[in-house]
Structure formats: structure tokens, C-alpha cells
Protein backbone atom coordinates (compact mmCIF):
# COMPACT_ATOMS: atom_id res chain seq x y z
CA THR A 1 -1.59 -4.82 -12.87
CA GLY A 2 -0.16 -7.18 -10.25
CA TRP A 3 2.90 -8.36 -12.14
CA ILE A 4 3.98 -5.10 -13.76
CA LEU A 5 2.32 -1.98 -12.38
CA LEU A 6 2.39 -2.82 -8.66
CA SER A 7 5.94 -4.18 -8.93
CA ALA A 8 7.28 -1.20 -10.86
CA GLY A 9 5.43 1.71 -9.33
CA GLY A 10 3.64 0.75 -6.15
CA ILE A 11 0.02 1.18 -5.27
CA LEU A 12 -0.37 4.94 -5.67
CA LEU A 13 1.27 5.10 -9.12
CA THR A 14 -0.83 2.10 -10.18
CA LEU A 15 -3.97 3.96 -9.11
CA LYS A 16 -2.89 6.99 -11.13
CA ILE A 17 -2.24 4.87 -14.23
CA LEU A 18 -5.60 3.12 -13.86
CA LEU A 19 -7.24 6.53 -13.47
CA CYS A 20 -5.62 7.68 -16.72
CA ILE A 21 -6.76 4.56 -18.56
CA SER A 22 -10.26 4.85 -17.13
CA SER A 23 -10.41 8.53 -18.03
CA VAL A 24 -10.86 7.59 -21.69
CA PHE A 25 -14.47 6.75 -20.80
CA LEU A 26 -14.85 10.05 -18.96
CA ILE A 27 -13.56 11.90 -22.02
CA LEU A 28 -15.98 10.02 -24.28
CA LEU A 29 -18.88 10.79 -21.93
CA PHE A 30 -17.82 14.43 -21.78
CA TYR A 31 -17.62 14.57 -25.58
CA VAL A 32 -21.09 12.97 -26.02
CA GLN A 33 -22.75 15.19 -23.41
CA TYR A 34 -21.00 18.42 -24.41
CA PRO A 35 -19.94 18.08 -28.07
CA ARG A 36 -18.92 21.74 -28.34
CA ALA A 37 -16.45 21.54 -25.48
CA SER A 38 -12.91 20.86 -26.46
CA PHE A 39 -10.93 17.70 -25.87
CA ALA A 40 -8.39 19.87 -24.06
CA THR A 41 -10.97 20.79 -21.39
CA ALA A 42 -11.68 17.14 -20.61
CA ALA A 43 -7.98 16.32 -20.56
CA LEU A 44 -7.32 19.26 -18.23
CA VAL A 45 -9.95 17.99 -15.78
CA ILE A 46 -8.29 14.55 -15.75
CA ILE A 47 -4.82 16.03 -15.26
CA LEU A 48 -6.12 18.08 -12.33
CA LEU A 49 -7.69 14.98 -10.77
CA ILE A 50 -4.37 13.15 -10.98
CA ALA A 51 -2.42 16.16 -9.70
CA ILE A 52 -4.53 16.50 -6.56
CA MET A 53 -4.04 12.86 -5.56
CA PRO A 54 -2.16 12.77 -2.25
CA SER A 55 1.39 11.58 -1.71
CA SER A 56 1.85 7.94 -0.72
CA LEU A 57 2.25 8.91 2.95
CA ASN A 58 -0.91 11.03 2.97
CA PHE A 59 -2.81 8.40 0.97
CA TRP A 60 -2.15 5.73 3.60
CA ALA A 61 -2.67 8.17 6.48
CA ASN A 62 -6.09 9.15 5.09
CA LEU A 63 -7.07 5.49 4.71
CA HIS A 64 -6.17 4.93 8.37
CA GLY A 65 -7.89 8.12 9.50
CA ILE A 66 -4.76 9.70 10.96
CA SER A 67 -2.33 12.50 10.03
CA GLY A 68 0.83 11.76 8.07
CA GLN A 69 3.03 12.74 11.03
CA LYS A 70 1.64 9.82 13.03
CA ILE A 71 2.51 7.00 10.62
CA ILE A 72 5.55 5.42 9.04
CA THR A 73 4.89 3.55 5.82
CA HIS A 74 6.89 1.85 3.10
CA GLU A 75 5.72 -0.42 0.31
CA ASP A 76 7.01 -2.71 -2.40
CA ASN A 77 5.44 -5.17 -4.81
CA TRP A 78 4.72 -7.64 -1.97
CA GLY A 79 2.89 -5.25 0.26
CA VAL A 80 2.65 -2.28 2.55
CA ALA A 81 4.12 -1.95 6.03
CA LEU A 82 2.52 0.76 8.13
CA LEU A 83 3.33 1.78 11.68
CA LYS A 84 0.67 3.93 13.35
CA ASN A 85 1.06 5.90 16.57
CA GLU A 86 -1.56 8.27 17.97
CA SER A 87 1.04 10.71 19.33
CA ALA A 88 3.04 13.04 17.08
CA ASP A 89 6.35 12.15 18.78
CA PHE A 90 5.84 8.35 18.48
CA LYS A 91 5.83 7.87 22.25
CA GLY A 92 3.35 5.36 23.60
CA GLN A 93 2.02 2.37 21.70
CA THR A 94 2.73 1.94 17.99
CA LYS A 95 0.54 -0.47 16.05
CA VAL A 96 2.22 -2.48 13.29
CA PHE A 97 0.19 -3.28 10.17
CA VAL A 98 1.27 -5.46 7.24
CA ASN A 99 -0.96 -5.39 4.17
CA GLY A 100 -3.71 -3.80 6.23
CA LEU A 101 -3.75 -6.43 8.99
CA GLY A 102 -2.69 -5.59 12.52
CA GLN A 103 0.30 -7.72 13.50
CA SER A 104 1.66 -6.48 16.80
CA THR A 105 2.72 -3.42 18.74
CA ILE A 106 5.73 -1.55 20.02
CA PRO A 107 6.29 -1.93 22.98
CA PHE A 108 6.11 -5.67 22.36
CA TYR A 109 3.07 -7.73 23.39
CA ASP A 110 3.72 -10.30 26.14
CA PHE A 111 2.11 -12.94 23.90
CA HIS A 112 4.75 -12.53 21.19
CA ILE A 113 7.54 -12.57 23.77
CA THR A 114 6.18 -15.85 25.14
CA LEU A 115 5.79 -17.25 21.63
CA GLY A 116 9.52 -16.84 21.05
CA MET A 117 10.86 -17.43 24.54
CA VAL A 118 9.20 -20.75 25.45
CA PRO A 119 10.51 -22.86 22.52
CA ALA A 120 14.00 -21.36 22.86
CA MET A 121 14.09 -22.10 26.60
CA VAL A 122 12.59 -25.63 26.31
CA HIS A 123 14.91 -26.81 23.52
CA PRO A 124 18.07 -28.46 24.89
CA GLU A 125 20.44 -26.74 22.45
CA PRO A 126 18.86 -24.12 20.13
CA LYS A 127 21.78 -23.34 17.81
CA ASP A 128 19.99 -22.21 14.64
CA ILE A 129 16.52 -20.69 14.84
CA ALA A 130 14.17 -19.40 12.13
CA VAL A 131 11.21 -17.12 12.79
CA ILE A 132 8.60 -16.76 10.06
CA GLY A 133 6.97 -13.33 10.08
CA MET A 134 8.61 -10.31 11.66
CA GLY A 135 5.71 -8.19 12.92
CA ALA A 136 7.19 -5.71 15.38
CA GLY A 137 10.08 -8.09 16.10
CA ALA A 138 8.97 -9.34 19.53
CA THR A 139 9.19 -13.06 18.73
CA LEU A 140 12.58 -12.58 17.09
CA PHE A 141 13.74 -10.62 20.13
CA ALA A 142 12.60 -13.30 22.58
CA VAL A 143 13.85 -16.33 20.68
CA GLY A 144 17.43 -15.02 20.82
CA GLY A 145 17.65 -15.10 24.60
CA ARG A 146 20.04 -18.06 24.91
CA PRO A 147 23.82 -17.80 24.49
CA GLU A 148 23.89 -21.22 22.75
CA THR A 149 21.98 -19.74 19.82
CA LYS A 150 24.49 -19.03 17.06
CA SER A 151 22.18 -17.85 14.27
CA LEU A 152 18.69 -16.41 13.93
CA THR A 153 16.92 -16.17 10.59
CA SER A 154 13.98 -13.80 10.24
CA ILE A 155 11.82 -14.68 7.23
CA GLU A 156 9.39 -11.96 6.12
CA ILE A 157 7.43 -11.56 2.89
CA VAL A 158 7.01 -7.77 3.11
CA LYS A 159 10.53 -6.31 2.95
CA PRO A 160 9.51 -2.70 3.72
CA LEU A 161 8.54 -3.81 7.24
CA LEU A 162 12.20 -3.79 8.31
CA ARG A 163 12.68 -0.31 6.84
CA SER A 164 9.59 0.91 8.70
CA LEU A 165 10.90 -0.51 11.99
CA VAL A 166 14.28 1.16 11.41
CA ASP A 167 12.49 4.47 10.76
CA HIS A 168 10.51 3.97 13.98
CA GLU A 169 13.76 3.45 15.87
CA GLY A 170 15.01 6.73 14.39
CA ARG A 171 12.02 8.55 15.90
CA HIS A 172 11.77 6.79 19.23
CA ASN A 173 14.39 4.61 20.88
CA TYR A 174 12.93 1.33 22.01
CA PRO A 175 15.30 -1.18 23.69
CA GLY A 176 13.62 -4.22 22.09
CA LEU A 177 14.22 -2.91 18.58
CA GLN A 178 17.73 -1.74 19.50
CA SER A 179 18.50 -5.27 20.63
CA ILE A 180 17.31 -6.75 17.32
CA PHE A 181 19.19 -4.23 15.18
CA ASN A 182 22.42 -4.77 17.16
CA ASP A 183 22.23 -8.58 17.23
CA ARG A 184 24.83 -9.84 14.74
CA ARG A 185 23.34 -13.35 14.80
CA ILE A 186 20.24 -12.22 12.89
CA ASN A 187 20.00 -12.79 9.16
CA TYR A 188 17.02 -11.17 7.43
CA VAL A 189 15.48 -13.09 4.53
CA PHE A 190 12.70 -11.54 2.44
CA GLY A 191 10.52 -13.63 0.17
CA ASP A 192 7.59 -16.00 0.00
């Protein structure tokens, strides 16, 4: 499941495949309980169950108890990035989740700004800087505040997080994200 199904098809397709495999037991139960009913009836019930499963967007929105218009989500075999905003127009605070854990917010938290700014300002000559974990991008934004810095490397395990942040920027312009996306010094690395 982890090596093949999640990598090839994502979480929702994996759930559908597991439902199909598990449905063999449902068909057997149906056959034992109602021997006169046809195999086609049981198969039709299973096909209908699979057909009514929500889209990936609605699946994640339902799990977070919010409508699909109020989230941005992308996934790959390493995980799910989900941005959640209570307003339909993505104004106000957006919460950033990676693999179900809250990471940060847009607008950026002061804590994450400080986390990036202090080491960059204290170091006598910060030429090359690496930031592990992207979150909403606040630490990456703050660490690049010195002109002596020639390169910034952002290392993130969940690649769809960047795509989710770009989609957020498409819905609502936020200067912090604009700064990150326009900073030519940043190199994005995705992996464990």
C-alpha cells in the first residue's frame, strides 16, 4: 500500500482500491445471507459505493469540517499539504497543515519570522543558508533579509506544499509569499 498504491494514486485512489478488495467479503456475506440474489446486485452496490466517494478536494474538506471552496490541497506519495481559510475569498488568516499537523499561518507568525531573522542577523557573513521545513514560508522569508546572503535552500519533504502556497498566492496576494516567489536566491529541494 505505502510503496505502490499511495505513490501511484494518492490517498483517495488507494482508499477506493482497498474498498474494492475488501468488497469481496461483502459479496461473500451478501451471497451467504441472500443466496437467490444475483452476483450482479452485490457488484452494483459496491460500484455505487465507490462512485459516490467524494473528490479529493471534498474528501479533505469533509475531514477538516469545511467546504471545498475554503481549502487548497495537493498531495503526493510523501504527504498532503492543506491550506484552510474560514473565508470564501481567502482573506484573513490561512492555516497551513502538512500531513494533518498545523505548521504555521498566512499572514506569517512573528515566531517564525524571529526564528529565521535572528540567526541571519547574528551571523557575521551568512552567504549560504538552508532552511529545513517550509511551512508557510515565514522562516525562509525572514532568513533572506541580508544582502550578503547569496543562496537560500529550502528543504521540504512534502513537495505539494509549494504548489499549495502558489495556489494561495493566486487567490490572495500576500507580500511575504510574493517576496519568496520572486527571490532568485532560493533553491527548493524536496526529499527526506
